Amino acid sequence: MGVETKPCASLARATPAMTNDSPISFALPTIARKKVTAAFDGGRLSSDSGVGLLALAERRRGLAETFAALIADPRDPTHITHTVADVLRARMLAIGCGYPDGNDFDRLRSDPAFKLACGRLPDTGKDLCSQPTISRWENAPTLREIIRLTFALVDIWCRSYKKAPKSVM
């Protein structure tokens, strides 16, 4: 037994999607002699608001600061824009948010949520480190530093318990 289907009458009358994306402009009254402007362009948005929670966890455990203290920084301190801890924090947060590649920092370095998570103001704070800076620091640690980082990670993990485990496998 076949069922006959007819197109829904309301679908035929549906309003087509708007394709005119020109800005809507209208005047608003001033408030305390300050001009008020309304914009519906979305402004500076981020789809990564969860990075704030990751940043809180990172700061509570002191991951970036602990790891940065174990990696030698041969740069001239008068020319440093991003500390090792800044670079590590940004990279860890990016990985935690699903950005596995350093080249994601071409966009993430100015993302308002990432900037806030890294301790910078979203609009007026300096941008985060660039992709080349991320790449340099990913390859900078020596074998001895990597071993120290491994032990530090285990120590941080053990401190997350009220009573440290008797062994770690």
N, C-alpha and C. Protein backbone atom coordinates (compact mmCIF):
# COMPACT_ATOMS: atom_id res chain seq x y z
N MET A 1 0.84 -1.16 0.00
CA MET A 1 0.00 0.00 0.00
C MET A 1 0.89 1.23 0.00
N GLY A 2 0.79 2.07 -0.99
CA GLY A 2 1.59 3.28 -1.12
C GLY A 2 0.97 4.45 -0.38
N VAL A 3 1.83 5.33 0.08
CA VAL A 3 1.36 6.54 0.75
C VAL A 3 1.70 7.72 -0.14
N GLU A 4 0.70 8.50 -0.44
CA GLU A 4 0.92 9.66 -1.29
C GLU A 4 1.30 10.84 -0.41
N THR A 5 2.38 11.52 -0.78
CA THR A 5 2.79 12.69 0.00
C THR A 5 2.61 13.94 -0.83
N LYS A 6 2.19 15.00 -0.19
CA LYS A 6 2.03 16.29 -0.85
C LYS A 6 2.97 17.28 -0.19
N PRO A 7 3.51 18.21 -0.93
CA PRO A 7 4.36 19.22 -0.31
C PRO A 7 3.56 20.04 0.68
N CYS A 8 4.18 20.35 1.78
CA CYS A 8 3.53 21.14 2.82
C CYS A 8 3.26 22.54 2.28
N ALA A 9 2.06 23.01 2.48
CA ALA A 9 1.67 24.33 1.97
C ALA A 9 2.49 25.44 2.60
N SER A 10 2.87 25.27 3.88
CA SER A 10 3.63 26.34 4.55
C SER A 10 5.05 26.45 4.00
N LEU A 11 5.62 25.35 3.49
CA LEU A 11 6.95 25.41 2.91
C LEU A 11 6.97 26.27 1.65
N ALA A 12 5.91 26.21 0.89
CA ALA A 12 5.84 26.99 -0.35
C ALA A 12 5.81 28.47 -0.04
N ARG A 13 5.32 28.84 1.13
CA ARG A 13 5.22 30.26 1.48
C ARG A 13 6.36 30.72 2.37
N ALA A 14 7.34 29.88 2.65
CA ALA A 14 8.42 30.25 3.55
C ALA A 14 9.19 31.44 3.00
N THR A 15 9.63 32.29 3.88
CA THR A 15 10.42 33.46 3.50
C THR A 15 11.81 33.00 3.09
N PRO A 16 12.28 33.47 1.94
CA PRO A 16 13.63 33.06 1.53
C PRO A 16 14.68 33.66 2.46
N ALA A 17 15.83 33.01 2.52
CA ALA A 17 16.93 33.50 3.36
C ALA A 17 17.36 34.88 2.89
N MET A 18 17.73 35.71 3.86
CA MET A 18 18.20 37.06 3.51
C MET A 18 19.59 36.97 2.91
N THR A 19 19.77 37.62 1.81
CA THR A 19 21.09 37.63 1.20
C THR A 19 21.70 39.03 1.24
N ASN A 20 20.93 40.01 1.65
CA ASN A 20 21.44 41.37 1.76
C ASN A 20 22.08 41.53 3.13
N ASP A 21 23.40 41.54 3.18
CA ASP A 21 24.05 41.67 4.46
C ASP A 21 24.68 43.05 4.65
N SER A 22 24.01 44.06 4.10
CA SER A 22 24.48 45.43 4.32
C SER A 22 24.10 45.84 5.73
N PRO A 23 24.92 46.67 6.38
CA PRO A 23 24.66 47.03 7.76
C PRO A 23 23.38 47.85 7.92
N ILE A 24 22.68 47.58 9.01
CA ILE A 24 21.49 48.35 9.35
C ILE A 24 21.97 49.55 10.16
N SER A 25 21.55 50.71 9.77
CA SER A 25 22.01 51.86 10.51
C SER A 25 20.82 52.72 10.91
N PHE A 26 20.86 53.18 12.14
CA PHE A 26 19.84 54.08 12.64
C PHE A 26 20.43 54.87 13.79
N ALA A 27 19.82 56.00 14.06
CA ALA A 27 20.34 56.90 15.10
C ALA A 27 19.76 56.53 16.46
N LEU A 28 20.58 56.58 17.48
CA LEU A 28 20.15 56.36 18.85
C LEU A 28 20.41 57.64 19.65
N PRO A 29 19.63 57.87 20.68
CA PRO A 29 19.87 59.07 21.48
C PRO A 29 21.17 58.96 22.26
N THR A 30 21.79 60.08 22.53
CA THR A 30 23.01 60.07 23.32
C THR A 30 22.67 59.84 24.78
N ILE A 31 23.61 59.28 25.51
CA ILE A 31 23.44 59.04 26.94
C ILE A 31 24.63 59.67 27.64
N ALA A 32 24.34 60.61 28.54
CA ALA A 32 25.40 61.33 29.27
C ALA A 32 26.42 61.90 28.29
N ARG A 33 25.92 62.48 27.25
CA ARG A 33 26.73 63.11 26.19
C ARG A 33 27.67 62.13 25.49
N LYS A 34 27.34 60.86 25.53
CA LYS A 34 28.12 59.84 24.84
C LYS A 34 27.29 59.28 23.69
N LYS A 35 27.90 59.16 22.54
CA LYS A 35 27.21 58.60 21.38
C LYS A 35 26.98 57.11 21.59
N VAL A 36 25.79 56.65 21.30
CA VAL A 36 25.46 55.23 21.41
C VAL A 36 25.34 54.68 20.00
N THR A 37 26.02 53.57 19.76
CA THR A 37 26.01 52.94 18.45
C THR A 37 25.56 51.50 18.59
N ALA A 38 24.71 51.07 17.70
CA ALA A 38 24.29 49.67 17.66
C ALA A 38 24.84 49.04 16.40
N ALA A 39 25.47 47.89 16.56
CA ALA A 39 26.02 47.17 15.41
C ALA A 39 25.57 45.72 15.51
N PHE A 40 25.19 45.17 14.40
CA PHE A 40 24.69 43.79 14.38
C PHE A 40 25.58 42.90 13.52
N ASP A 41 26.84 43.25 13.45
CA ASP A 41 27.77 42.49 12.63
C ASP A 41 28.45 41.37 13.42
N GLY A 42 28.12 41.24 14.69
CA GLY A 42 28.71 40.18 15.50
C GLY A 42 29.94 40.62 16.25
N GLY A 43 30.63 41.62 15.77
CA GLY A 43 31.83 42.09 16.46
C GLY A 43 32.88 41.01 16.55
N ARG A 44 33.68 41.08 17.59
CA ARG A 44 34.73 40.08 17.80
C ARG A 44 34.16 38.93 18.61
N LEU A 45 34.00 37.81 17.97
CA LEU A 45 33.40 36.63 18.59
C LEU A 45 34.41 35.49 18.67
N SER A 46 34.11 34.55 19.54
CA SER A 46 34.92 33.34 19.63
C SER A 46 33.99 32.16 19.82
N SER A 47 34.32 31.06 19.22
CA SER A 47 33.53 29.84 19.43
C SER A 47 34.21 28.95 20.46
N ASP A 48 35.23 29.47 21.14
CA ASP A 48 36.02 28.67 22.06
C ASP A 48 35.91 29.16 23.50
N SER A 49 34.69 29.38 23.98
CA SER A 49 34.54 29.88 25.35
C SER A 49 34.99 28.86 26.39
N GLY A 50 35.02 27.60 26.06
CA GLY A 50 35.49 26.57 26.98
C GLY A 50 36.95 26.72 27.35
N VAL A 51 37.69 27.50 26.58
CA VAL A 51 39.11 27.70 26.87
C VAL A 51 39.30 28.36 28.24
N GLY A 52 38.30 29.09 28.70
CA GLY A 52 38.39 29.72 30.02
C GLY A 52 38.45 28.69 31.14
N LEU A 53 37.68 27.61 31.00
CA LEU A 53 37.73 26.54 31.99
C LEU A 53 39.06 25.80 31.97
N LEU A 54 39.57 25.57 30.77
CA LEU A 54 40.89 24.92 30.66
C LEU A 54 41.97 25.80 31.28
N ALA A 55 41.86 27.11 31.06
CA ALA A 55 42.85 28.04 31.62
C ALA A 55 42.81 28.01 33.15
N LEU A 56 41.62 27.92 33.70
CA LEU A 56 41.49 27.83 35.16
C LEU A 56 42.19 26.58 35.68
N ALA A 57 41.97 25.44 35.03
CA ALA A 57 42.62 24.19 35.44
C ALA A 57 44.13 24.29 35.28
N GLU A 58 44.58 24.88 34.20
CA GLU A 58 46.03 25.04 33.96
C GLU A 58 46.66 25.89 35.05
N ARG A 59 46.02 26.98 35.40
CA ARG A 59 46.56 27.89 36.42
C ARG A 59 46.55 27.23 37.80
N ARG A 60 45.50 26.49 38.12
CA ARG A 60 45.44 25.81 39.42
C ARG A 60 46.57 24.82 39.59
N ARG A 61 46.91 24.14 38.54
CA ARG A 61 47.99 23.15 38.60
C ARG A 61 49.37 23.77 38.33
N GLY A 62 49.39 24.98 37.80
CA GLY A 62 50.67 25.64 37.52
C GLY A 62 51.47 24.98 36.42
N LEU A 63 50.78 24.43 35.42
CA LEU A 63 51.48 23.68 34.37
C LEU A 63 52.48 24.53 33.60
N ALA A 64 52.03 25.62 33.02
CA ALA A 64 52.90 26.41 32.15
C ALA A 64 54.11 26.96 32.91
N GLU A 65 53.87 27.48 34.11
CA GLU A 65 54.99 28.04 34.90
C GLU A 65 55.97 26.94 35.30
N THR A 66 55.46 25.79 35.71
CA THR A 66 56.33 24.68 36.11
C THR A 66 57.17 24.21 34.94
N PHE A 67 56.52 24.00 33.80
CA PHE A 67 57.25 23.52 32.63
C PHE A 67 58.24 24.56 32.12
N ALA A 68 57.84 25.82 32.12
CA ALA A 68 58.73 26.88 31.61
C ALA A 68 60.01 26.98 32.44
N ALA A 69 59.89 26.72 33.74
CA ALA A 69 61.07 26.78 34.60
C ALA A 69 62.08 25.69 34.27
N LEU A 70 61.66 24.66 33.55
CA LEU A 70 62.54 23.54 33.22
C LEU A 70 63.16 23.64 31.83
N ILE A 71 62.78 24.67 31.07
CA ILE A 71 63.29 24.83 29.70
C ILE A 71 64.17 26.07 29.65
N ALA A 72 65.39 25.90 29.23
CA ALA A 72 66.32 27.03 29.13
C ALA A 72 65.83 28.02 28.07
N ASP A 73 65.95 29.29 28.38
CA ASP A 73 65.55 30.34 27.44
C ASP A 73 66.78 31.17 27.09
N PRO A 74 67.42 30.88 25.94
CA PRO A 74 68.65 31.56 25.58
C PRO A 74 68.44 32.97 24.99
N ARG A 75 67.20 33.41 24.89
CA ARG A 75 66.93 34.70 24.26
C ARG A 75 67.38 35.87 25.14
N ASP A 76 67.67 36.99 24.50
CA ASP A 76 68.02 38.22 25.19
C ASP A 76 66.76 38.74 25.89
N PRO A 77 66.79 38.87 27.22
CA PRO A 77 65.58 39.29 27.96
C PRO A 77 65.02 40.64 27.51
N THR A 78 65.85 41.50 26.94
CA THR A 78 65.36 42.82 26.50
C THR A 78 64.55 42.73 25.21
N HIS A 79 64.60 41.58 24.54
CA HIS A 79 63.88 41.42 23.28
C HIS A 79 62.74 40.40 23.35
N ILE A 80 62.40 39.97 24.55
CA ILE A 80 61.37 38.94 24.71
C ILE A 80 59.99 39.59 24.71
N THR A 81 59.14 39.12 23.82
CA THR A 81 57.75 39.57 23.78
C THR A 81 56.86 38.56 24.48
N HIS A 82 57.12 37.28 24.27
CA HIS A 82 56.32 36.20 24.85
C HIS A 82 57.23 35.31 25.68
N THR A 83 56.92 35.17 26.96
CA THR A 83 57.74 34.30 27.81
C THR A 83 57.50 32.84 27.41
N VAL A 84 58.38 31.98 27.86
CA VAL A 84 58.21 30.55 27.59
C VAL A 84 56.88 30.08 28.19
N ALA A 85 56.56 30.55 29.38
CA ALA A 85 55.28 30.16 30.01
C ALA A 85 54.10 30.63 29.16
N ASP A 86 54.18 31.83 28.59
CA ASP A 86 53.10 32.34 27.71
C ASP A 86 52.92 31.42 26.51
N VAL A 87 54.02 31.04 25.90
CA VAL A 87 53.98 30.18 24.70
C VAL A 87 53.40 28.81 25.05
N LEU A 88 53.91 28.23 26.13
CA LEU A 88 53.42 26.91 26.54
C LEU A 88 51.94 26.94 26.90
N ARG A 89 51.53 27.97 27.63
CA ARG A 89 50.12 28.08 28.03
C ARG A 89 49.22 28.16 26.80
N ALA A 90 49.57 29.03 25.87
CA ALA A 90 48.76 29.19 24.66
C ALA A 90 48.69 27.88 23.88
N ARG A 91 49.81 27.20 23.77
CA ARG A 91 49.85 25.95 23.00
C ARG A 91 49.06 24.85 23.68
N MET A 92 49.19 24.72 25.00
CA MET A 92 48.44 23.70 25.72
C MET A 92 46.94 23.95 25.61
N LEU A 93 46.53 25.19 25.76
CA LEU A 93 45.11 25.52 25.67
C LEU A 93 44.58 25.25 24.26
N ALA A 94 45.37 25.56 23.25
CA ALA A 94 44.95 25.30 21.87
C ALA A 94 44.76 23.81 21.63
N ILE A 95 45.71 23.02 22.10
CA ILE A 95 45.59 21.56 21.93
C ILE A 95 44.35 21.06 22.68
N GLY A 96 44.13 21.56 23.88
CA GLY A 96 42.97 21.16 24.66
C GLY A 96 41.65 21.53 24.01
N CYS A 97 41.67 22.56 23.17
CA CYS A 97 40.45 22.99 22.47
C CYS A 97 40.33 22.37 21.08
N GLY A 98 41.23 21.44 20.76
CA GLY A 98 41.11 20.73 19.49
C GLY A 98 41.86 21.35 18.34
N TYR A 99 42.87 22.17 18.63
CA TYR A 99 43.71 22.76 17.57
C TYR A 99 45.09 22.10 17.65
N PRO A 100 45.29 21.00 16.95
CA PRO A 100 46.53 20.24 17.11
C PRO A 100 47.75 20.85 16.42
N ASP A 101 47.55 21.80 15.53
CA ASP A 101 48.66 22.33 14.75
C ASP A 101 49.02 23.76 15.18
N GLY A 102 50.31 24.04 15.17
CA GLY A 102 50.77 25.39 15.50
C GLY A 102 50.26 26.43 14.52
N ASN A 103 49.97 26.02 13.28
CA ASN A 103 49.52 27.01 12.30
C ASN A 103 48.14 27.58 12.64
N ASP A 104 47.44 26.96 13.58
CA ASP A 104 46.16 27.51 14.03
C ASP A 104 46.34 28.86 14.70
N PHE A 105 47.56 29.17 15.13
CA PHE A 105 47.81 30.45 15.79
C PHE A 105 47.80 31.63 14.84
N ASP A 106 47.77 31.37 13.55
CA ASP A 106 47.57 32.49 12.62
C ASP A 106 46.25 33.18 12.95
N ARG A 107 45.26 32.40 13.41
CA ARG A 107 43.95 32.95 13.77
C ARG A 107 43.76 33.07 15.28
N LEU A 108 44.21 32.07 16.02
CA LEU A 108 43.97 32.03 17.47
C LEU A 108 44.70 33.14 18.22
N ARG A 109 45.78 33.63 17.69
CA ARG A 109 46.57 34.63 18.43
C ARG A 109 45.79 35.90 18.72
N SER A 110 44.75 36.17 17.94
CA SER A 110 43.94 37.36 18.21
C SER A 110 42.53 37.01 18.67
N ASP A 111 42.26 35.73 18.91
CA ASP A 111 40.94 35.30 19.37
C ASP A 111 40.68 35.85 20.78
N PRO A 112 39.54 36.53 20.98
CA PRO A 112 39.30 37.16 22.28
C PRO A 112 39.24 36.18 23.45
N ALA A 113 38.68 35.00 23.26
CA ALA A 113 38.60 34.02 24.36
C ALA A 113 39.98 33.49 24.71
N PHE A 114 40.81 33.21 23.71
CA PHE A 114 42.15 32.71 23.97
C PHE A 114 43.01 33.78 24.64
N LYS A 115 42.87 35.02 24.18
CA LYS A 115 43.63 36.10 24.81
C LYS A 115 43.26 36.24 26.27
N LEU A 116 41.97 36.19 26.57
CA LEU A 116 41.51 36.29 27.95
C LEU A 116 42.02 35.12 28.78
N ALA A 117 41.97 33.92 28.22
CA ALA A 117 42.45 32.72 28.92
C ALA A 117 43.94 32.79 29.21
N CYS A 118 44.66 33.53 28.38
CA CYS A 118 46.11 33.67 28.56
C CYS A 118 46.48 34.94 29.33
N GLY A 119 45.49 35.55 29.95
CA GLY A 119 45.76 36.70 30.81
C GLY A 119 45.88 38.02 30.10
N ARG A 120 45.32 38.12 28.91
CA ARG A 120 45.37 39.38 28.16
C ARG A 120 43.96 39.88 27.91
N LEU A 121 43.82 41.19 27.82
CA LEU A 121 42.51 41.76 27.53
C LEU A 121 42.12 41.44 26.09
N PRO A 122 40.87 41.06 25.85
CA PRO A 122 40.45 40.62 24.51
C PRO A 122 40.63 41.67 23.41
N ASP A 123 40.35 42.93 23.72
CA ASP A 123 40.43 43.95 22.67
C ASP A 123 41.71 44.76 22.70
N THR A 124 42.19 45.11 23.89
CA THR A 124 43.34 45.99 23.97
C THR A 124 44.64 45.28 24.31
N GLY A 125 44.56 44.02 24.74
CA GLY A 125 45.78 43.28 25.07
C GLY A 125 46.54 42.87 23.83
N LYS A 126 47.85 42.70 24.00
CA LYS A 126 48.68 42.27 22.87
C LYS A 126 48.24 40.89 22.42
N ASP A 127 48.42 40.61 21.12
CA ASP A 127 48.10 39.30 20.58
C ASP A 127 49.01 38.24 21.18
N LEU A 128 48.56 37.01 21.12
CA LEU A 128 49.36 35.88 21.59
C LEU A 128 50.48 35.61 20.59
N CYS A 129 51.31 34.64 20.89
CA CYS A 129 52.44 34.33 20.03
C CYS A 129 51.97 33.81 18.67
N SER A 130 52.85 33.94 17.70
CA SER A 130 52.55 33.55 16.32
C SER A 130 52.90 32.08 16.09
N GLN A 131 52.51 31.59 14.93
CA GLN A 131 52.81 30.21 14.55
C GLN A 131 54.31 29.94 14.52
N PRO A 132 55.15 30.83 13.96
CA PRO A 132 56.59 30.54 13.98
C PRO A 132 57.16 30.45 15.40
N THR A 133 56.65 31.27 16.32
CA THR A 133 57.12 31.21 17.70
C THR A 133 56.72 29.88 18.33
N ILE A 134 55.50 29.46 18.09
CA ILE A 134 55.04 28.15 18.59
C ILE A 134 55.95 27.05 18.06
N SER A 135 56.22 27.07 16.77
CA SER A 135 57.04 26.02 16.16
C SER A 135 58.45 26.00 16.73
N ARG A 136 59.05 27.17 16.96
CA ARG A 136 60.41 27.21 17.53
C ARG A 136 60.44 26.56 18.91
N TRP A 137 59.43 26.88 19.75
CA TRP A 137 59.44 26.35 21.11
C TRP A 137 59.03 24.89 21.18
N GLU A 138 58.27 24.41 20.22
CA GLU A 138 57.93 22.98 20.22
C GLU A 138 59.17 22.13 19.98
N ASN A 139 60.13 22.66 19.29
CA ASN A 139 61.34 21.91 18.96
C ASN A 139 62.55 22.33 19.80
N ALA A 140 62.37 23.23 20.76
CA ALA A 140 63.49 23.78 21.52
C ALA A 140 64.01 22.89 22.65
N PRO A 141 63.16 22.20 23.40
CA PRO A 141 63.68 21.45 24.56
C PRO A 141 64.68 20.36 24.16
N THR A 142 65.71 20.26 24.97
CA THR A 142 66.70 19.20 24.78
C THR A 142 66.14 17.90 25.36
N LEU A 143 66.83 16.80 25.11
CA LEU A 143 66.40 15.51 25.66
C LEU A 143 66.37 15.57 27.18
N ARG A 144 67.39 16.16 27.78
CA ARG A 144 67.43 16.27 29.24
C ARG A 144 66.23 17.08 29.75
N GLU A 145 65.86 18.15 29.06
CA GLU A 145 64.70 18.97 29.47
C GLU A 145 63.40 18.20 29.30
N ILE A 146 63.32 17.40 28.24
CA ILE A 146 62.11 16.59 28.03
C ILE A 146 61.95 15.57 29.16
N ILE A 147 63.04 14.98 29.60
CA ILE A 147 62.99 14.04 30.72
C ILE A 147 62.52 14.76 31.98
N ARG A 148 63.06 15.96 32.23
CA ARG A 148 62.62 16.75 33.39
C ARG A 148 61.14 17.10 33.29
N LEU A 149 60.69 17.44 32.09
CA LEU A 149 59.27 17.76 31.89
C LEU A 149 58.39 16.55 32.21
N THR A 150 58.86 15.37 31.84
CA THR A 150 58.11 14.14 32.11
C THR A 150 57.97 13.92 33.61
N PHE A 151 59.07 14.09 34.35
CA PHE A 151 59.00 13.93 35.80
C PHE A 151 58.12 15.00 36.43
N ALA A 152 58.18 16.22 35.92
CA ALA A 152 57.34 17.30 36.44
C ALA A 152 55.86 17.00 36.22
N LEU A 153 55.54 16.45 35.07
CA LEU A 153 54.14 16.10 34.78
C LEU A 153 53.64 15.02 35.75
N VAL A 154 54.49 14.04 36.04
CA VAL A 154 54.12 13.00 37.00
C VAL A 154 53.94 13.62 38.38
N ASP A 155 54.82 14.52 38.78
CA ASP A 155 54.70 15.19 40.08
C ASP A 155 53.40 15.99 40.17
N ILE A 156 53.06 16.71 39.13
CA ILE A 156 51.82 17.49 39.11
C ILE A 156 50.63 16.55 39.23
N TRP A 157 50.67 15.44 38.52
CA TRP A 157 49.58 14.47 38.56
C TRP A 157 49.45 13.89 39.98
N CYS A 158 50.57 13.55 40.60
CA CYS A 158 50.53 12.98 41.95
C CYS A 158 50.00 14.00 42.96
N ARG A 159 50.35 15.27 42.80
CA ARG A 159 49.86 16.32 43.70
C ARG A 159 48.36 16.55 43.55
N SER A 160 47.76 16.06 42.47
CA SER A 160 46.32 16.27 42.28
C SER A 160 45.50 15.36 43.20
N TYR A 161 46.14 14.42 43.87
CA TYR A 161 45.48 13.52 44.81
C TYR A 161 45.71 14.02 46.24
N LYS A 162 44.75 13.75 47.12
CA LYS A 162 44.95 14.09 48.52
C LYS A 162 46.12 13.29 49.08
N LYS A 163 46.18 12.02 48.70
CA LYS A 163 47.28 11.16 49.08
C LYS A 163 47.88 10.60 47.79
N ALA A 164 49.14 10.87 47.56
CA ALA A 164 49.77 10.45 46.32
C ALA A 164 49.74 8.94 46.16
N PRO A 165 49.55 8.44 44.93
CA PRO A 165 49.56 7.00 44.70
C PRO A 165 50.91 6.38 45.08
N LYS A 166 50.89 5.12 45.47
CA LYS A 166 52.13 4.44 45.85
C LYS A 166 53.03 4.21 44.64
N SER A 167 52.41 4.05 43.46
CA SER A 167 53.21 3.84 42.26
C SER A 167 52.48 4.44 41.05
N VAL A 168 53.25 4.70 40.02
CA VAL A 168 52.72 5.23 38.78
C VAL A 168 53.22 4.35 37.66
N MET A 169 52.30 3.87 36.81
CA MET A 169 52.71 3.00 35.70
C MET A 169 52.49 3.72 34.39
